[in-house]
Amino acid sequence: MPARPDASPQTRAVLAALHRDPSTWRHGYDIAKETELASGTLYPILGRLADRGLLETRWEPDPPEGRPRRHLYRLTASGVQRAADVGREPVRAAVPRPAIEGAS
């Protein structure tokens, strides 16, 4: 059975972080600090979750002077449900691939 696109440990970590307070808008840097994910891993996950309708996104309305607006994220109702479901699912261990004969 193929893995769900939101079953990776990294995606599970993002969903768990957002699910702790699903009504709060959070910016990527805040999520990155909590999950310890690099931006090159985090932002594609946020984009995929938003594309699937699990996240709402918006720009920060009133950034402090001298700092650009941040993109904000929070779970949609279906995102809250999916995050709860993912949190209850067992984490699948990686299945080792069989060795290729003749490879060194």
N, C-alpha and C. Protein backbone atom coordinates (compact mmCIF):
# COMPACT_ATOMS: atom_id res chain seq x y z
N MET A 1 0.85 -1.17 0.00
CA MET A 1 0.00 0.00 0.00
C MET A 1 0.89 1.24 0.00
N PRO A 2 0.69 2.19 -0.93
CA PRO A 2 1.54 3.37 -0.97
C PRO A 2 1.32 4.25 0.25
N ALA A 3 2.38 4.93 0.64
CA ALA A 3 2.30 5.82 1.80
C ALA A 3 1.44 7.04 1.45
N ARG A 4 0.71 7.54 2.41
CA ARG A 4 -0.06 8.76 2.21
C ARG A 4 0.91 9.93 2.10
N PRO A 5 0.55 10.97 1.35
CA PRO A 5 1.47 12.10 1.20
C PRO A 5 1.70 12.86 2.50
N ASP A 6 0.85 12.65 3.51
CA ASP A 6 1.05 13.35 4.77
C ASP A 6 1.53 12.41 5.87
N ALA A 7 2.15 11.29 5.47
CA ALA A 7 2.59 10.29 6.45
C ALA A 7 4.08 10.37 6.76
N SER A 8 4.82 11.23 6.07
CA SER A 8 6.25 11.33 6.37
C SER A 8 6.43 11.91 7.77
N PRO A 9 7.53 11.57 8.42
CA PRO A 9 7.76 12.13 9.77
C PRO A 9 7.79 13.66 9.77
N GLN A 10 8.30 14.24 8.71
CA GLN A 10 8.37 15.71 8.64
C GLN A 10 6.97 16.32 8.53
N THR A 11 6.15 15.74 7.68
CA THR A 11 4.78 16.26 7.52
C THR A 11 3.98 16.03 8.78
N ARG A 12 4.17 14.89 9.41
CA ARG A 12 3.49 14.62 10.68
C ARG A 12 3.89 15.65 11.73
N ALA A 13 5.16 16.03 11.75
CA ALA A 13 5.64 17.03 12.71
C ALA A 13 4.98 18.39 12.47
N VAL A 14 4.83 18.77 11.21
CA VAL A 14 4.19 20.04 10.87
C VAL A 14 2.71 20.00 11.28
N LEU A 15 2.03 18.92 10.94
CA LEU A 15 0.62 18.80 11.32
C LEU A 15 0.45 18.83 12.84
N ALA A 16 1.34 18.14 13.55
CA ALA A 16 1.26 18.12 15.02
C ALA A 16 1.48 19.52 15.59
N ALA A 17 2.46 20.24 15.06
CA ALA A 17 2.74 21.59 15.55
C ALA A 17 1.54 22.51 15.34
N LEU A 18 0.94 22.44 14.17
CA LEU A 18 -0.21 23.29 13.88
C LEU A 18 -1.45 22.85 14.65
N HIS A 19 -1.54 21.57 14.96
CA HIS A 19 -2.71 21.03 15.66
C HIS A 19 -2.72 21.39 17.14
N ARG A 20 -1.58 21.77 17.70
CA ARG A 20 -1.53 22.14 19.11
C ARG A 20 -2.46 23.32 19.42
N ASP A 21 -2.57 24.23 18.47
CA ASP A 21 -3.49 25.38 18.62
C ASP A 21 -3.99 25.72 17.22
N PRO A 22 -4.95 24.95 16.72
CA PRO A 22 -5.32 25.06 15.30
C PRO A 22 -5.96 26.39 14.88
N SER A 23 -6.46 27.17 15.80
CA SER A 23 -7.09 28.43 15.41
C SER A 23 -6.08 29.59 15.32
N THR A 24 -4.86 29.36 15.76
CA THR A 24 -3.84 30.41 15.76
C THR A 24 -3.09 30.45 14.44
N TRP A 25 -2.95 31.65 13.88
CA TRP A 25 -2.15 31.83 12.67
C TRP A 25 -0.68 31.77 13.08
N ARG A 26 0.12 30.99 12.34
CA ARG A 26 1.54 30.83 12.65
C ARG A 26 2.38 31.11 11.41
N HIS A 27 3.55 31.70 11.60
CA HIS A 27 4.43 31.95 10.46
C HIS A 27 5.45 30.82 10.36
N GLY A 28 6.03 30.69 9.19
CA GLY A 28 6.93 29.58 8.91
C GLY A 28 8.10 29.48 9.85
N TYR A 29 8.71 30.62 10.20
CA TYR A 29 9.87 30.57 11.10
C TYR A 29 9.49 29.97 12.44
N ASP A 30 8.32 30.31 12.95
CA ASP A 30 7.83 29.77 14.22
C ASP A 30 7.66 28.25 14.11
N ILE A 31 7.06 27.80 13.02
CA ILE A 31 6.87 26.36 12.81
C ILE A 31 8.22 25.66 12.65
N ALA A 32 9.14 26.30 11.94
CA ALA A 32 10.48 25.72 11.73
C ALA A 32 11.21 25.55 13.06
N LYS A 33 11.10 26.54 13.94
CA LYS A 33 11.75 26.42 15.25
C LYS A 33 11.17 25.26 16.04
N GLU A 34 9.85 25.11 16.02
CA GLU A 34 9.21 24.05 16.80
C GLU A 34 9.52 22.66 16.24
N THR A 35 9.51 22.53 14.93
CA THR A 35 9.70 21.21 14.31
C THR A 35 11.16 20.89 14.02
N GLU A 36 12.01 21.91 14.09
CA GLU A 36 13.44 21.77 13.76
C GLU A 36 13.65 21.34 12.30
N LEU A 37 12.73 21.76 11.44
CA LEU A 37 12.86 21.47 10.01
C LEU A 37 13.51 22.65 9.30
N ALA A 38 14.36 22.34 8.35
CA ALA A 38 14.98 23.37 7.52
C ALA A 38 13.93 23.97 6.59
N SER A 39 14.15 25.21 6.19
CA SER A 39 13.17 25.89 5.34
C SER A 39 12.95 25.15 4.02
N GLY A 40 13.99 24.53 3.48
CA GLY A 40 13.85 23.79 2.23
C GLY A 40 12.99 22.55 2.37
N THR A 41 12.78 22.09 3.57
CA THR A 41 11.88 20.97 3.84
C THR A 41 10.50 21.49 4.24
N LEU A 42 10.48 22.50 5.11
CA LEU A 42 9.22 23.00 5.66
C LEU A 42 8.31 23.64 4.62
N TYR A 43 8.83 24.59 3.84
CA TYR A 43 7.95 25.35 2.96
C TYR A 43 7.31 24.50 1.86
N PRO A 44 7.99 23.51 1.29
CA PRO A 44 7.28 22.62 0.36
C PRO A 44 6.15 21.84 1.04
N ILE A 45 6.36 21.42 2.28
CA ILE A 45 5.30 20.72 3.02
C ILE A 45 4.12 21.65 3.23
N LEU A 46 4.37 22.88 3.66
CA LEU A 46 3.28 23.84 3.87
C LEU A 46 2.53 24.07 2.56
N GLY A 47 3.25 24.18 1.46
CA GLY A 47 2.61 24.37 0.15
C GLY A 47 1.73 23.20 -0.24
N ARG A 48 2.23 21.98 -0.02
CA ARG A 48 1.43 20.80 -0.36
C ARG A 48 0.18 20.70 0.53
N LEU A 49 0.33 20.99 1.82
CA LEU A 49 -0.82 20.95 2.71
C LEU A 49 -1.86 22.00 2.32
N ALA A 50 -1.40 23.18 1.92
CA ALA A 50 -2.32 24.23 1.47
C ALA A 50 -3.00 23.81 0.17
N ASP A 51 -2.25 23.24 -0.76
CA ASP A 51 -2.83 22.79 -2.03
C ASP A 51 -3.90 21.72 -1.81
N ARG A 52 -3.75 20.91 -0.78
CA ARG A 52 -4.71 19.85 -0.48
C ARG A 52 -5.89 20.35 0.36
N GLY A 53 -5.89 21.66 0.67
CA GLY A 53 -7.00 22.23 1.43
C GLY A 53 -6.92 21.99 2.92
N LEU A 54 -5.75 21.59 3.42
CA LEU A 54 -5.59 21.33 4.85
C LEU A 54 -5.10 22.56 5.61
N LEU A 55 -4.60 23.56 4.89
CA LEU A 55 -4.12 24.80 5.51
C LEU A 55 -4.76 26.00 4.85
N GLU A 56 -5.05 27.01 5.66
CA GLU A 56 -5.39 28.34 5.17
C GLU A 56 -4.09 29.13 5.18
N THR A 57 -3.95 30.03 4.25
CA THR A 57 -2.77 30.89 4.23
C THR A 57 -3.21 32.33 4.03
N ARG A 58 -2.41 33.24 4.55
CA ARG A 58 -2.65 34.67 4.34
C ARG A 58 -1.36 35.41 4.66
N TRP A 59 -1.32 36.66 4.25
CA TRP A 59 -0.19 37.50 4.60
C TRP A 59 -0.48 38.20 5.91
N GLU A 60 0.56 38.38 6.69
CA GLU A 60 0.48 39.11 7.95
C GLU A 60 -0.09 40.51 7.67
N PRO A 61 -1.13 40.93 8.40
CA PRO A 61 -1.77 42.21 8.08
C PRO A 61 -0.94 43.45 8.44
N ASP A 62 -0.29 43.48 9.59
CA ASP A 62 0.42 44.67 10.04
C ASP A 62 1.79 44.31 10.59
N PRO A 63 2.78 44.12 9.71
CA PRO A 63 4.11 43.78 10.22
C PRO A 63 4.74 44.98 10.92
N PRO A 64 5.66 44.72 11.84
CA PRO A 64 6.39 45.83 12.46
C PRO A 64 7.18 46.59 11.39
N GLU A 65 7.37 47.86 11.63
CA GLU A 65 8.11 48.69 10.69
C GLU A 65 9.51 48.13 10.49
N GLY A 66 9.94 48.08 9.24
CA GLY A 66 11.27 47.61 8.92
C GLY A 66 11.36 46.11 8.65
N ARG A 67 10.26 45.40 8.79
CA ARG A 67 10.28 43.96 8.50
C ARG A 67 9.19 43.66 7.49
N PRO A 68 9.51 42.84 6.48
CA PRO A 68 8.47 42.51 5.50
C PRO A 68 7.36 41.67 6.11
N ARG A 69 6.22 41.67 5.44
CA ARG A 69 5.10 40.85 5.91
C ARG A 69 5.48 39.37 5.83
N ARG A 70 4.97 38.60 6.77
CA ARG A 70 5.19 37.15 6.79
C ARG A 70 3.95 36.44 6.25
N HIS A 71 4.19 35.29 5.68
CA HIS A 71 3.10 34.43 5.25
C HIS A 71 2.66 33.64 6.48
N LEU A 72 1.37 33.56 6.73
CA LEU A 72 0.83 32.90 7.92
C LEU A 72 0.03 31.66 7.51
N TYR A 73 -0.01 30.70 8.42
CA TYR A 73 -0.66 29.41 8.15
C TYR A 73 -1.49 28.98 9.37
N ARG A 74 -2.60 28.31 9.09
CA ARG A 74 -3.34 27.63 10.14
C ARG A 74 -4.17 26.52 9.49
N LEU A 75 -4.54 25.55 10.27
CA LEU A 75 -5.29 24.41 9.76
C LEU A 75 -6.73 24.80 9.41
N THR A 76 -7.24 24.23 8.33
CA THR A 76 -8.65 24.33 8.01
C THR A 76 -9.39 23.29 8.85
N ALA A 77 -10.70 23.25 8.76
CA ALA A 77 -11.46 22.23 9.49
C ALA A 77 -11.04 20.84 9.04
N SER A 78 -10.87 20.64 7.74
CA SER A 78 -10.42 19.32 7.27
C SER A 78 -8.98 19.06 7.68
N GLY A 79 -8.17 20.12 7.81
CA GLY A 79 -6.80 19.96 8.29
C GLY A 79 -6.75 19.55 9.74
N VAL A 80 -7.64 20.10 10.55
CA VAL A 80 -7.72 19.71 11.96
C VAL A 80 -8.06 18.22 12.06
N GLN A 81 -9.02 17.80 11.26
CA GLN A 81 -9.42 16.39 11.28
C GLN A 81 -8.28 15.49 10.80
N ARG A 82 -7.61 15.90 9.72
CA ARG A 82 -6.52 15.07 9.19
C ARG A 82 -5.36 15.02 10.18
N ALA A 83 -5.05 16.14 10.83
CA ALA A 83 -3.96 16.15 11.82
C ALA A 83 -4.30 15.22 12.98
N ALA A 84 -5.55 15.21 13.41
CA ALA A 84 -5.96 14.30 14.48
C ALA A 84 -5.84 12.86 14.03
N ASP A 85 -6.26 12.57 12.79
CA ASP A 85 -6.17 11.21 12.26
C ASP A 85 -4.72 10.76 12.15
N VAL A 86 -3.86 11.62 11.63
CA VAL A 86 -2.44 11.28 11.47
C VAL A 86 -1.81 11.04 12.83
N GLY A 87 -2.21 11.83 13.82
CA GLY A 87 -1.67 11.67 15.17
C GLY A 87 -2.02 10.34 15.80
N ARG A 88 -3.13 9.75 15.37
CA ARG A 88 -3.55 8.45 15.90
C ARG A 88 -2.96 7.28 15.13
N GLU A 89 -2.47 7.53 13.91
CA GLU A 89 -1.93 6.45 13.09
C GLU A 89 -0.55 6.06 13.58
N PRO A 90 -0.22 4.78 13.53
CA PRO A 90 1.14 4.37 13.91
C PRO A 90 2.14 4.90 12.89
N VAL A 91 3.32 5.20 13.37
CA VAL A 91 4.40 5.63 12.48
C VAL A 91 4.96 4.39 11.82
N ARG A 92 5.00 4.41 10.51
CA ARG A 92 5.51 3.25 9.78
C ARG A 92 7.03 3.31 9.73
N ALA A 93 7.65 2.20 10.06
CA ALA A 93 9.10 2.11 9.97
C ALA A 93 9.49 1.97 8.51
N ALA A 94 10.63 2.52 8.17
CA ALA A 94 11.13 2.39 6.81
C ALA A 94 11.43 0.92 6.52
N VAL A 95 11.01 0.48 5.37
CA VAL A 95 11.25 -0.90 4.97
C VAL A 95 12.54 -0.92 4.17
N PRO A 96 13.53 -1.71 4.62
CA PRO A 96 14.79 -1.74 3.88
C PRO A 96 14.57 -2.34 2.49
N ARG A 97 15.25 -1.77 1.53
CA ARG A 97 15.17 -2.29 0.17
C ARG A 97 16.08 -3.49 0.03
N PRO A 98 15.68 -4.47 -0.74
CA PRO A 98 16.55 -5.63 -0.91
C PRO A 98 17.81 -5.23 -1.69
N ALA A 99 18.89 -5.88 -1.37
CA ALA A 99 20.16 -5.61 -2.06
C ALA A 99 20.05 -6.07 -3.50
N ILE A 100 20.70 -5.35 -4.38
CA ILE A 100 20.74 -5.72 -5.79
C ILE A 100 21.90 -6.67 -5.98
N GLU A 101 21.60 -7.82 -6.56
CA GLU A 101 22.65 -8.81 -6.76
C GLU A 101 23.70 -8.26 -7.71
N GLY A 102 24.95 -8.54 -7.38
CA GLY A 102 26.06 -8.12 -8.23
C GLY A 102 26.51 -6.70 -7.98
N ALA A 103 25.80 -5.96 -7.14
CA ALA A 103 26.20 -4.58 -6.84
C ALA A 103 27.25 -4.62 -5.74
N SER A 104 28.20 -3.73 -5.82
CA SER A 104 29.23 -3.71 -4.77
C SER A 104 29.26 -2.42 -4.05
